Amino acid sequence: MAMEKAASSLLGGGGGEPAATVKSIFIYPIKSCRGLAVSQALIISTGFRWDRQWVVVNGKGRAYTQRVEPKLALVQVELPPEAFAEDWQPTPYDHLVIRAPGMDTLKIPLAAEHTTIDDVSVWEWSGSAYDEGAEVSEWFSTYFGKPSRLVRFKEASETRPTDPYYGQGQGYKIMFTDRFPFLIASQGSLDALNEILKEPVPMNRFRPNILVDGCNPYSEDLWKTIKIRNNWIYTIKRSKL
C-alpha cells in the first residue's frame, strides 16, 4: 500500500509534453453521493481507501446512481480526518456521518458488526454485501420516498474485477465504482470544455479521483502509462471508438 498526496506528485508527460502536477484528490465513500477533497489518500488493492465502499440500493438490491436518483447529489458524507492516514483503524467512537436536505444527521459506526444480505447488484456485478441496518434503511427510505438500504462492500468474501479488455493481464479489482479503481481528469481539459459551453460546469460534475494540472487539454485521454511519484504505475488499455 502507498500514500498519495495532493500537490506533491507528478505525472510524467513524455514526447515533449509538460509533466502534470496532482492538484487535488477526491474520494466518494458512498457511490453517487458528494465527494470529499483530501490532502492525502491511501492506495489499496481496489483504489483509494474508502472510495465507493458503500452504495444505496433499492428494495431489490439494485444500486442507485445519480442517473436515476439525482437526489444522491445532495447527500453529504463525512469521515474522521484521521481516516485518511496510513495504518488508521476505526474505533467504536468513529462514524460515517451523512447529511441531506430536510433530514436529521445520520451517524453510522465504522467499527460495528454487520449482517450480510445477498443479491446486491451494481451494473453487471452481483454478490453479497454488509447491511448497515434498519435505522439507516429507514433514513434513506424516507429521503427517497421508497424502500432503500445502505450496504458496504464485503471485502472478506467478494471480488469485483475490472473488465479484462481494459486492464488485460493486470488483475485490477474495484468495489462499487463503475469500472476502474481510479478516474483521472485534468484542469486543462475542463477549462477547454468551458470555453465552448454557454454555461461553465465545475469539475465535480465529472467526479474524478485525481485532478491534475499543467498538461495540455485532453492529453490524459492518450496516456497509456501513468507514474505518480516513485511508487505507483498504472497502465490501461483504451477502448476502440
C-alpha atoms as a PDB file:
ATOM      1  CA  MET A   1       0.000   0.000   0.000  1.00  0.00           C
ATOM      2  CA  ALA A   2       1.136   3.550  -0.677  1.00  0.00           C
ATOM      3  CA  MET A   3       0.107   7.076   0.173  1.00  0.00           C
ATOM      4  CA  GLU A   4      -0.570   9.716  -2.451  1.00  0.00           C
ATOM      5  CA  LYS A   5      -0.644  13.420  -1.613  1.00  0.00           C
ATOM      6  CA  ALA A   6      -2.242  16.269  -3.464  1.00  0.00           C
ATOM      7  CA  ALA A   7       0.000  18.962  -4.928  1.00  0.00           C
ATOM      8  CA  SER A   8       3.136  16.871  -4.497  1.00  0.00           C
ATOM      9  CA  SER A   9       3.138  14.062  -7.039  1.00  0.00           C
ATOM     10  CA  LEU A  10       3.982  14.295 -10.734  1.00  0.00           C
ATOM     11  CA  LEU A  11       2.743  12.581 -13.839  1.00  0.00           C
ATOM     12  CA  GLY A  12       5.436  12.305 -16.480  1.00  0.00           C
ATOM     13  CA  GLY A  13       4.454  13.741 -19.831  1.00  0.00           C
ATOM     14  CA  GLY A  14       6.780  12.295 -22.462  1.00  0.00           C
ATOM     15  CA  GLY A  15       7.109  13.336 -26.082  1.00  0.00           C
ATOM     16  CA  GLY A  16       7.869  16.913 -25.066  1.00  0.00           C
ATOM     17  CA  GLU A  17       4.643  17.309 -23.132  1.00  0.00           C
ATOM     18  CA  PRO A  18       4.967  19.017 -19.747  1.00  0.00           C
ATOM     19  CA  ALA A  19       4.592  16.912 -16.627  1.00  0.00           C
ATOM     20  CA  ALA A  20       1.293  17.331 -14.812  1.00  0.00           C
ATOM     21  CA  THR A  21       1.025  18.035 -11.094  1.00  0.00           C
ATOM     22  CA  VAL A  22      -1.543  16.287  -8.938  1.00  0.00           C
ATOM     23  CA  LYS A  23      -3.715  19.214  -7.914  1.00  0.00           C
ATOM     24  CA  SER A  24      -6.442  17.505  -5.863  1.00  0.00           C
ATOM     25  CA  ILE A  25      -7.545  14.101  -4.607  1.00  0.00           C
ATOM     26  CA  PHE A  26     -11.211  13.196  -4.210  1.00  0.00           C
ATOM     27  CA  ILE A  27     -12.848  10.236  -2.504  1.00  0.00           C
ATOM     28  CA  TYR A  28     -16.522   9.282  -2.735  1.00  0.00           C
ATOM     29  CA  PRO A  29     -17.336   6.996   0.210  1.00  0.00           C
ATOM     30  CA  ILE A  30     -20.942   6.403  -0.923  1.00  0.00           C
ATOM     31  CA  LYS A  31     -21.382   5.802  -4.629  1.00  0.00           C
ATOM     32  CA  SER A  32     -23.029   8.778  -6.383  1.00  0.00           C
ATOM     33  CA  CYS A  33     -23.096  10.938  -3.237  1.00  0.00           C
ATOM     34  CA  ARG A  34     -20.937  14.032  -2.706  1.00  0.00           C
ATOM     35  CA  GLY A  35     -17.212  13.510  -2.576  1.00  0.00           C
ATOM     36  CA  LEU A  36     -14.501  14.589  -0.177  1.00  0.00           C
ATOM     37  CA  ALA A  37     -11.425  16.603  -1.143  1.00  0.00           C
ATOM     38  CA  VAL A  38      -8.498  15.206   0.850  1.00  0.00           C
ATOM     39  CA  SER A  39      -4.835  16.136   1.133  1.00  0.00           C
ATOM     40  CA  GLN A  40      -3.673  12.521   1.032  1.00  0.00           C
ATOM     41  CA  ALA A  41      -5.139   9.099   0.365  1.00  0.00           C
ATOM     42  CA  LEU A  42      -4.090   5.513   0.933  1.00  0.00           C
ATOM     43  CA  ILE A  43      -3.919   3.250  -2.109  1.00  0.00           C
ATOM     44  CA  ILE A  44      -5.286  -0.236  -1.517  1.00  0.00           C
ATOM     45  CA  SER A  45      -5.967  -3.077  -3.950  1.00  0.00           C
ATOM     46  CA  THR A  46      -9.257  -1.536  -5.158  1.00  0.00           C
ATOM     47  CA  GLY A  47      -8.131   2.090  -5.498  1.00  0.00           C
ATOM     48  CA  PHE A  48      -8.214   4.712  -2.760  1.00  0.00           C
ATOM     49  CA  ARG A  49      -9.287   3.528   0.655  1.00  0.00           C
ATOM     50  CA  TRP A  50     -12.928   4.452   1.393  1.00  0.00           C
ATOM     51  CA  ASP A  51     -13.735   5.197  -2.238  1.00  0.00           C
ATOM     52  CA  ARG A  52     -17.175   3.828  -3.249  1.00  0.00           C
ATOM     53  CA  GLN A  53     -17.109   1.447  -0.303  1.00  0.00           C
ATOM     54  CA  TRP A  54     -20.847   2.000   0.246  1.00  0.00           C
ATOM     55  CA  VAL A  55     -23.800   2.123  -2.106  1.00  0.00           C
ATOM     56  CA  VAL A  56     -27.515   2.829  -1.659  1.00  0.00           C
ATOM     57  CA  VAL A  57     -29.743   0.099  -3.120  1.00  0.00           C
ATOM     58  CA  ASN A  58     -33.466  -0.249  -3.758  1.00  0.00           C
ATOM     59  CA  GLY A  59     -35.787  -2.907  -2.377  1.00  0.00           C
ATOM     60  CA  LYS A  60     -34.421  -5.427  -4.875  1.00  0.00           C
ATOM     61  CA  GLY A  61     -30.787  -4.731  -4.057  1.00  0.00           C
ATOM     62  CA  ARG A  62     -30.096  -2.746  -7.224  1.00  0.00           C
ATOM     63  CA  ALA A  63     -27.668   0.169  -6.838  1.00  0.00           C
ATOM     64  CA  TYR A  64     -28.876   3.753  -7.085  1.00  0.00           C
ATOM     65  CA  THR A  65     -26.900   6.213  -9.193  1.00  0.00           C
ATOM     66  CA  GLN A  66     -27.416   9.886  -9.958  1.00  0.00           C
ATOM     67  CA  ARG A  67     -28.615   8.894 -13.411  1.00  0.00           C
ATOM     68  CA  VAL A  68     -31.894   7.690 -11.911  1.00  0.00           C
ATOM     69  CA  GLU A  69     -31.795   9.245  -8.422  1.00  0.00           C
ATOM     70  CA  PRO A  70     -30.385  12.795  -8.765  1.00  0.00           C
ATOM     71  CA  LYS A  71     -31.118  13.483  -5.063  1.00  0.00           C
ATOM     72  CA  LEU A  72     -27.977  11.489  -4.314  1.00  0.00           C
ATOM     73  CA  ALA A  73     -26.006  14.567  -5.368  1.00  0.00           C
ATOM     74  CA  LEU A  74     -27.328  16.401  -2.284  1.00  0.00           C
ATOM     75  CA  VAL A  75     -26.179  13.747   0.203  1.00  0.00           C
ATOM     76  CA  GLN A  76     -23.082  14.927   2.080  1.00  0.00           C
ATOM     77  CA  VAL A  77     -20.704  12.396   3.582  1.00  0.00           C
ATOM     78  CA  GLU A  78     -18.010  12.878   6.223  1.00  0.00           C
ATOM     79  CA  LEU A  79     -15.304  10.638   7.629  1.00  0.00           C
ATOM     80  CA  PRO A  80     -12.938  11.347  10.534  1.00  0.00           C
ATOM     81  CA  PRO A  81      -9.951  13.373   9.248  1.00  0.00           C
ATOM     82  CA  GLU A  82      -7.563  10.750  10.581  1.00  0.00           C
ATOM     83  CA  ALA A  83      -9.301   8.083   8.459  1.00  0.00           C
ATOM     84  CA  PHE A  84      -7.054   9.068   5.553  1.00  0.00           C
ATOM     85  CA  ALA A  85      -3.822   8.438   7.434  1.00  0.00           C
ATOM     86  CA  GLU A  86      -1.795   5.304   6.847  1.00  0.00           C
ATOM     87  CA  ASP A  87      -2.467   2.373   9.206  1.00  0.00           C
ATOM     88  CA  TRP A  88      -5.508   4.077  10.770  1.00  0.00           C
ATOM     89  CA  GLN A  89      -8.206   1.735  12.037  1.00  0.00           C
ATOM     90  CA  PRO A  90     -11.667   2.825  13.239  1.00  0.00           C
ATOM     91  CA  THR A  91     -12.669   2.639  16.893  1.00  0.00           C
ATOM     92  CA  PRO A  92     -16.204   2.220  18.281  1.00  0.00           C
ATOM     93  CA  TYR A  93     -16.342   6.026  18.512  1.00  0.00           C
ATOM     94  CA  ASP A  94     -15.685   6.690  14.811  1.00  0.00           C
ATOM     95  CA  HIS A  95     -18.568   7.253  12.410  1.00  0.00           C
ATOM     96  CA  LEU A  96     -19.522   7.808   8.807  1.00  0.00           C
ATOM     97  CA  VAL A  97     -21.632  10.973   9.043  1.00  0.00           C
ATOM     98  CA  ILE A  98     -24.373  11.599   6.475  1.00  0.00           C
ATOM     99  CA  ARG A  99     -26.433  14.756   5.902  1.00  0.00           C
ATOM    100  CA  ALA A 100     -29.128  15.643   3.379  1.00  0.00           C
ATOM    101  CA  PRO A 101     -31.703  18.462   2.992  1.00  0.00           C
ATOM    102  CA  GLY A 102     -34.671  18.052   5.316  1.00  0.00           C
ATOM    103  CA  MET A 103     -33.130  15.092   7.134  1.00  0.00           C
ATOM    104  CA  ASP A 104     -31.603  14.647  10.577  1.00  0.00           C
ATOM    105  CA  THR A 105     -27.879  13.909  10.675  1.00  0.00           C
ATOM    106  CA  LEU A 106     -27.178  10.189  10.410  1.00  0.00           C
ATOM    107  CA  LYS A 107     -24.146   8.619  12.085  1.00  0.00           C
ATOM    108  CA  ILE A 108     -23.033   5.121  11.159  1.00  0.00           C
ATOM    109  CA  PRO A 109     -20.396   3.368  13.321  1.00  0.00           C
ATOM    110  CA  LEU A 110     -17.379   2.397  11.246  1.00  0.00           C
ATOM    111  CA  ALA A 111     -16.371  -0.470  13.521  1.00  0.00           C
ATOM    112  CA  ALA A 112     -19.787  -2.083  14.034  1.00  0.00           C
ATOM    113  CA  GLU A 113     -20.566  -5.700  13.232  1.00  0.00           C
ATOM    114  CA  HIS A 114     -22.741  -6.226  10.185  1.00  0.00           C
ATOM    115  CA  THR A 115     -25.225  -8.708   8.886  1.00  0.00           C
ATOM    116  CA  THR A 116     -24.928  -9.853   5.296  1.00  0.00           C
ATOM    117  CA  ILE A 117     -27.508  -9.524   2.550  1.00  0.00           C
ATOM    118  CA  ASP A 118     -27.373 -11.289  -0.800  1.00  0.00           C
ATOM    119  CA  ASP A 119     -28.304 -10.285  -4.344  1.00  0.00           C
ATOM    120  CA  VAL A 120     -26.782  -6.812  -4.265  1.00  0.00           C
ATOM    121  CA  SER A 121     -26.094  -5.667  -7.824  1.00  0.00           C
ATOM    122  CA  VAL A 122     -24.098  -2.856  -9.429  1.00  0.00           C
ATOM    123  CA  TRP A 123     -24.300  -2.907 -13.219  1.00  0.00           C
ATOM    124  CA  GLU A 124     -23.192  -6.371 -14.318  1.00  0.00           C
ATOM    125  CA  TRP A 125     -21.905  -7.464 -10.884  1.00  0.00           C
ATOM    126  CA  SER A 126     -23.956  -9.115  -8.158  1.00  0.00           C
ATOM    127  CA  GLY A 127     -22.963 -10.556  -4.818  1.00  0.00           C
ATOM    128  CA  SER A 128     -23.230 -10.190  -1.058  1.00  0.00           C
ATOM    129  CA  ALA A 129     -22.698  -7.025   0.968  1.00  0.00           C
ATOM    130  CA  TYR A 130     -22.831  -5.830   4.552  1.00  0.00           C
ATOM    131  CA  ASP A 131     -26.130  -4.233   5.506  1.00  0.00           C
ATOM    132  CA  GLU A 132     -25.875  -1.053   7.605  1.00  0.00           C
ATOM    133  CA  GLY A 133     -29.108  -1.830   9.433  1.00  0.00           C
ATOM    134  CA  ALA A 134     -32.756  -0.879   9.888  1.00  0.00           C
ATOM    135  CA  GLU A 135     -32.211   2.667  11.200  1.00  0.00           C
ATOM    136  CA  VAL A 136     -30.034   3.564   8.239  1.00  0.00           C
ATOM    137  CA  SER A 137     -32.514   1.924   5.874  1.00  0.00           C
ATOM    138  CA  GLU A 138     -35.348   3.995   7.341  1.00  0.00           C
ATOM    139  CA  TRP A 139     -33.337   7.203   6.872  1.00  0.00           C
ATOM    140  CA  PHE A 140     -32.656   6.541   3.188  1.00  0.00           C
ATOM    141  CA  SER A 141     -36.175   5.208   2.586  1.00  0.00           C
ATOM    142  CA  THR A 142     -37.609   8.432   3.983  1.00  0.00           C
ATOM    143  CA  TYR A 143     -35.242  10.549   1.918  1.00  0.00           C
ATOM    144  CA  PHE A 144     -36.038   8.782  -1.371  1.00  0.00           C
ATOM    145  CA  GLY A 145     -39.673   8.032  -0.577  1.00  0.00           C
ATOM    146  CA  LYS A 146     -39.316   4.316  -1.279  1.00  0.00           C
ATOM    147  CA  PRO A 147     -37.616   1.254   0.267  1.00  0.00           C
ATOM    148  CA  SER A 148     -33.860   1.775   0.290  1.00  0.00           C
ATOM    149  CA  ARG A 149     -30.849   0.390   2.098  1.00  0.00           C
ATOM    150  CA  LEU A 150     -27.208   1.327   2.536  1.00  0.00           C
ATOM    151  CA  VAL A 151     -24.755  -1.527   2.071  1.00  0.00           C
ATOM    152  CA  ARG A 152     -20.993  -1.811   2.388  1.00  0.00           C
ATOM    153  CA  PHE A 153     -18.714  -3.833   0.136  1.00  0.00           C
ATOM    154  CA  LYS A 154     -17.816  -7.178   1.670  1.00  0.00           C
ATOM    155  CA  GLU A 155     -14.079  -7.344   1.049  1.00  0.00           C
ATOM    156  CA  ALA A 156     -13.704 -10.535   3.076  1.00  0.00           C
ATOM    157  CA  SER A 157     -15.513 -12.680   0.533  1.00  0.00           C
ATOM    158  CA  GLU A 158     -16.387 -10.643  -2.563  1.00  0.00           C
ATOM    159  CA  THR A 159     -14.235  -9.704  -5.552  1.00  0.00           C
ATOM    160  CA  ARG A 160     -15.313  -7.426  -8.366  1.00  0.00           C
ATOM    161  CA  PRO A 161     -12.740  -7.475 -11.187  1.00  0.00           C
ATOM    162  CA  THR A 162     -12.457  -4.800 -13.830  1.00  0.00           C
ATOM    163  CA  ASP A 163     -13.292  -5.520 -17.452  1.00  0.00           C
ATOM    164  CA  PRO A 164     -10.265  -7.540 -18.671  1.00  0.00           C
ATOM    165  CA  TYR A 165     -10.370  -5.795 -22.041  1.00  0.00           C
ATOM    166  CA  TYR A 166      -9.330  -2.514 -20.427  1.00  0.00           C
ATOM    167  CA  GLY A 167      -6.921  -3.902 -17.840  1.00  0.00           C
ATOM    168  CA  GLN A 168      -5.776  -7.006 -19.614  1.00  0.00           C
ATOM    169  CA  GLY A 169      -3.436  -9.148 -17.558  1.00  0.00           C
ATOM    170  CA  GLN A 170      -3.321  -6.654 -14.673  1.00  0.00           C
ATOM    171  CA  GLY A 171      -5.856  -8.194 -12.293  1.00  0.00           C
ATOM    172  CA  TYR A 172      -7.373  -4.868 -11.234  1.00  0.00           C
ATOM    173  CA  LYS A 173     -10.406  -5.008  -8.970  1.00  0.00           C
ATOM    174  CA  ILE A 174     -12.865  -2.482  -7.572  1.00  0.00           C
ATOM    175  CA  MET A 175     -15.621  -2.025  -5.003  1.00  0.00           C
ATOM    176  CA  PHE A 176     -18.722  -0.118  -6.135  1.00  0.00           C
ATOM    177  CA  THR A 177     -17.089   2.109  -8.761  1.00  0.00           C
ATOM    178  CA  ASP A 178     -18.403   1.852 -12.306  1.00  0.00           C
ATOM    179  CA  ARG A 179     -15.374   0.233 -13.988  1.00  0.00           C
ATOM    180  CA  PHE A 180     -11.906   1.135 -12.737  1.00  0.00           C
ATOM    181  CA  PRO A 181     -10.028   1.848  -9.476  1.00  0.00           C
ATOM    182  CA  PHE A 182      -9.298   5.497 -10.390  1.00  0.00           C
ATOM    183  CA  LEU A 183     -10.697   8.234 -12.587  1.00  0.00           C
ATOM    184  CA  ILE A 184      -8.240  10.955 -13.635  1.00  0.00           C
ATOM    185  CA  ALA A 185      -9.164  14.304 -15.169  1.00  0.00           C
ATOM    186  CA  SER A 186      -7.197  17.466 -15.911  1.00  0.00           C
ATOM    187  CA  GLN A 187      -7.928  21.093 -15.170  1.00  0.00           C
ATOM    188  CA  GLY A 188      -6.805  21.978 -18.688  1.00  0.00           C
ATOM    189  CA  SER A 189      -9.473  19.749 -20.203  1.00  0.00           C
ATOM    190  CA  LEU A 190     -12.196  21.319 -18.075  1.00  0.00           C
ATOM    191  CA  ASP A 191     -11.009  24.823 -18.955  1.00  0.00           C
ATOM    192  CA  ALA A 192     -11.046  23.966 -22.662  1.00  0.00           C
ATOM    193  CA  LEU A 193     -14.532  22.493 -22.385  1.00  0.00           C
ATOM    194  CA  ASN A 194     -15.891  25.529 -20.549  1.00  0.00           C
ATOM    195  CA  GLU A 195     -14.614  27.808 -23.290  1.00  0.00           C
ATOM    196  CA  ILE A 196     -17.154  26.308 -25.696  1.00  0.00           C
ATOM    197  CA  LEU A 197     -20.069  25.875 -23.283  1.00  0.00           C
ATOM    198  CA  LYS A 198     -22.728  28.518 -22.765  1.00  0.00           C
ATOM    199  CA  GLU A 199     -22.776  27.716 -19.059  1.00  0.00           C
ATOM    200  CA  PRO A 200     -19.484  26.545 -17.450  1.00  0.00           C
ATOM    201  CA  VAL A 201     -19.550  23.349 -15.422  1.00  0.00           C
ATOM    202  CA  PRO A 202     -17.474  22.574 -12.313  1.00  0.00           C
ATOM    203  CA  MET A 203     -15.053  19.683 -12.040  1.00  0.00           C
ATOM    204  CA  ASN A 204     -17.280  17.848  -9.548  1.00  0.00           C
ATOM    205  CA  ARG A 205     -19.671  17.159 -12.436  1.00  0.00           C
ATOM    206  CA  PHE A 206     -17.162  14.544 -13.616  1.00  0.00           C
ATOM    207  CA  ARG A 207     -16.352  13.060 -10.196  1.00  0.00           C
ATOM    208  CA  PRO A 208     -12.613  12.372 -10.683  1.00  0.00           C
ATOM    209  CA  ASN A 209     -10.440  10.739  -8.036  1.00  0.00           C
ATOM    210  CA  ILE A 210      -7.316  12.546  -9.178  1.00  0.00           C
ATOM    211  CA  LEU A 211      -7.300  16.039 -10.655  1.00  0.00           C
ATOM    212  CA  VAL A 212      -4.114  17.028 -12.451  1.00  0.00           C
ATOM    213  CA  ASP A 213      -2.954  20.364 -13.823  1.00  0.00           C
ATOM    214  CA  GLY A 214      -0.167  21.555 -16.095  1.00  0.00           C
ATOM    215  CA  CYS A 215      -0.719  19.253 -19.073  1.00  0.00           C
ATOM    216  CA  ASN A 216      -2.286  20.044 -22.432  1.00  0.00           C
ATOM    217  CA  PRO A 217      -6.096  19.837 -22.686  1.00  0.00           C
ATOM    218  CA  TYR A 218      -7.369  16.287 -23.212  1.00  0.00           C
ATOM    219  CA  SER A 219      -3.852  14.823 -23.167  1.00  0.00           C
ATOM    220  CA  GLU A 220      -4.896  12.472 -20.366  1.00  0.00           C
ATOM    221  CA  ASP A 221      -7.082  10.681 -22.925  1.00  0.00           C
ATOM    222  CA  LEU A 222      -3.902   9.486 -24.643  1.00  0.00           C
ATOM    223  CA  TRP A 223      -1.813   8.447 -21.643  1.00  0.00           C
ATOM    224  CA  LYS A 224      -1.106   4.718 -21.541  1.00  0.00           C
ATOM    225  CA  THR A 225       1.247   4.679 -18.562  1.00  0.00           C
ATOM    226  CA  ILE A 226       0.870   6.956 -15.546  1.00  0.00           C
ATOM    227  CA  LYS A 227       3.523   7.279 -12.868  1.00  0.00           C
ATOM    228  CA  ILE A 228       2.877   9.180  -9.663  1.00  0.00           C
ATOM    229  CA  ARG A 229       5.981   9.792  -7.580  1.00  0.00           C
ATOM    230  CA  ASN A 230       8.029   6.573  -7.480  1.00  0.00           C
ATOM    231  CA  ASN A 231       5.618   4.067  -6.046  1.00  0.00           C
ATOM    232  CA  TRP A 232       2.740   3.627  -8.449  1.00  0.00           C
ATOM    233  CA  ILE A 233       2.484   2.820 -12.144  1.00  0.00           C
ATOM    234  CA  TYR A 234      -0.929   2.286 -13.639  1.00  0.00           C
ATOM    235  CA  THR A 235      -1.453   1.128 -17.223  1.00  0.00           C
ATOM    236  CA  ILE A 236      -4.727   0.805 -19.084  1.00  0.00           C
ATOM    237  CA  LYS A 237      -5.906  -0.416 -22.450  1.00  0.00           C
ATOM    238  CA  ARG A 238      -8.078   2.064 -24.293  1.00  0.00           C
ATOM    239  CA  SER A 239     -11.347   1.160 -25.970  1.00  0.00           C
ATOM    240  CA  LYS A 240     -11.676   1.373 -29.745  1.00  0.00           C
ATOM    241  CA  LEU A 241     -14.256   4.039 -30.514  1.00  0.00           C
END
